[in-house]
Amino acid sequence: MTNIYYKQKLLNLIKYPIITDKTTKAIEDNTYYFAVDKKINKQEIKQAIEYIFDVKVKKVNTLNKPIKIKKLGKFKGRIVQHKKAIIKLDSESSINIFENS
């Protein structure tokens, strides 16, 4: 039962891939960018990527984005921010982010 719970937890840690001009150019170097949960560390990110995509992760870098304040009239609020994970894969591994139509 705990193994199923752990695998479900790994699936929920990775939010979505970050797709920009810079990140699509980095895919050629086997580097991928993902938005992940703010509370996890590099080892958990590595385990989640290896479990979800069945690849071998070489290196993980992370960065926390600063909090952004959004105003609407007299009200202020915070925009939800995620931790950004930069994943470097082995030369033999790759992730197919863009589905072939």
Protein backbone atom coordinates (compact mmCIF):
# COMPACT_ATOMS: atom_id res chain seq x y z
CA MET A 1 0.00 0.00 0.00
CA THR A 2 2.80 2.43 0.78
CA ASN A 3 4.46 1.73 -2.58
CA ILE A 4 1.31 2.82 -4.43
CA TYR A 5 1.08 5.94 -2.27
CA TYR A 6 4.74 6.78 -2.99
CA LYS A 7 4.29 6.40 -6.76
CA GLN A 8 1.18 8.63 -6.66
CA LYS A 9 3.17 11.22 -4.72
CA LEU A 10 5.92 11.17 -7.37
CA LEU A 11 3.35 11.79 -10.10
CA ASN A 12 1.97 14.85 -8.27
CA LEU A 13 5.36 16.50 -7.70
CA ILE A 14 5.89 17.54 -11.34
CA LYS A 15 3.38 20.25 -12.34
CA TYR A 16 4.06 20.94 -16.03
CA PRO A 17 6.93 21.47 -18.51
CA ILE A 18 8.01 25.06 -19.11
CA ILE A 19 7.88 25.81 -22.84
CA THR A 20 9.58 29.00 -24.05
CA ASP A 21 12.02 29.86 -26.85
CA LYS A 22 14.97 29.39 -24.51
CA THR A 23 13.78 26.02 -23.21
CA THR A 24 13.04 24.62 -26.68
CA LYS A 25 16.61 25.49 -27.73
CA ALA A 26 17.93 23.78 -24.59
CA ILE A 27 16.14 20.54 -25.57
CA GLU A 28 18.83 20.04 -28.22
CA ASP A 29 21.37 19.81 -25.37
CA ASN A 30 19.18 17.28 -23.50
CA THR A 31 18.15 19.90 -20.92
CA TYR A 32 14.51 20.16 -19.86
CA TYR A 33 12.68 22.69 -17.66
CA PHE A 34 9.79 21.76 -15.37
CA ALA A 35 7.65 23.57 -12.82
CA VAL A 36 7.62 21.50 -9.64
CA ASP A 37 6.22 21.69 -6.12
CA LYS A 38 8.05 24.23 -3.94
CA LYS A 39 8.57 21.83 -1.02
CA ILE A 40 10.53 19.03 -2.72
CA ASN A 41 14.30 18.68 -3.03
CA LYS A 42 16.60 17.64 -5.86
CA GLN A 43 16.63 13.94 -4.99
CA GLU A 44 12.82 13.74 -5.09
CA ILE A 45 12.76 15.63 -8.40
CA LYS A 46 15.28 13.17 -9.84
CA GLN A 47 13.26 10.16 -8.66
CA ALA A 48 10.02 11.63 -10.05
CA ILE A 49 11.49 12.38 -13.50
CA GLU A 50 13.11 8.95 -13.73
CA TYR A 51 9.85 7.24 -12.69
CA ILE A 52 7.48 9.25 -14.91
CA PHE A 53 9.52 9.39 -18.14
CA ASP A 54 11.72 6.28 -17.68
CA VAL A 55 14.98 8.16 -18.37
CA LYS A 56 18.37 8.51 -16.66
CA VAL A 57 18.89 11.93 -15.03
CA LYS A 58 22.44 13.24 -14.96
CA LYS A 59 22.00 16.55 -13.09
CA VAL A 60 19.24 18.59 -11.40
CA ASN A 61 19.35 22.34 -10.75
CA THR A 62 16.55 24.24 -9.03
CA LEU A 63 15.60 27.85 -8.45
CA ASN A 64 12.81 29.59 -6.56
CA LYS A 65 11.19 32.47 -8.37
CA PRO A 66 10.46 35.61 -6.32
CA ILE A 67 6.88 36.30 -5.21
CA LYS A 68 4.91 38.60 -7.52
CA ILE A 69 2.26 40.97 -6.18
CA LYS A 70 -0.86 41.53 -8.27
CA LYS A 71 -3.20 44.48 -7.70
CA LEU A 72 -6.86 44.67 -8.58
CA GLY A 73 -8.30 47.99 -7.46
CA LYS A 74 -7.50 48.43 -3.80
CA PHE A 75 -6.82 44.73 -3.24
CA LYS A 76 -3.38 43.11 -3.36
CA GLY A 77 -2.61 39.45 -3.70
CA ARG A 78 0.18 37.04 -4.46
CA ILE A 79 0.54 35.10 -7.69
CA VAL A 80 1.13 31.38 -7.20
CA GLN A 81 4.76 30.60 -7.93
CA HIS A 82 6.39 27.21 -8.48
CA LYS A 83 9.96 26.05 -8.16
CA LYS A 84 11.72 25.72 -11.50
CA ALA A 85 13.72 22.53 -12.06
CA ILE A 86 16.36 22.31 -14.77
CA ILE A 87 16.95 18.67 -15.68
CA LYS A 88 20.03 17.48 -17.59
CA LEU A 89 19.67 13.97 -19.02
CA ASP A 90 22.22 11.41 -20.16
CA SER A 91 23.14 11.44 -23.84
CA GLU A 92 21.18 8.21 -24.48
CA SER A 93 17.95 9.47 -22.86
CA SER A 94 15.36 11.93 -24.16
CA ILE A 95 11.83 13.07 -23.28
CA ASN A 96 9.17 13.54 -25.95
CA ILE A 97 7.38 16.69 -24.73
CA PHE A 98 5.87 17.57 -28.10
CA GLU A 99 3.45 14.87 -29.23
CA ASN A 100 3.56 13.90 -32.90
CA SER A 101 0.23 14.57 -34.63
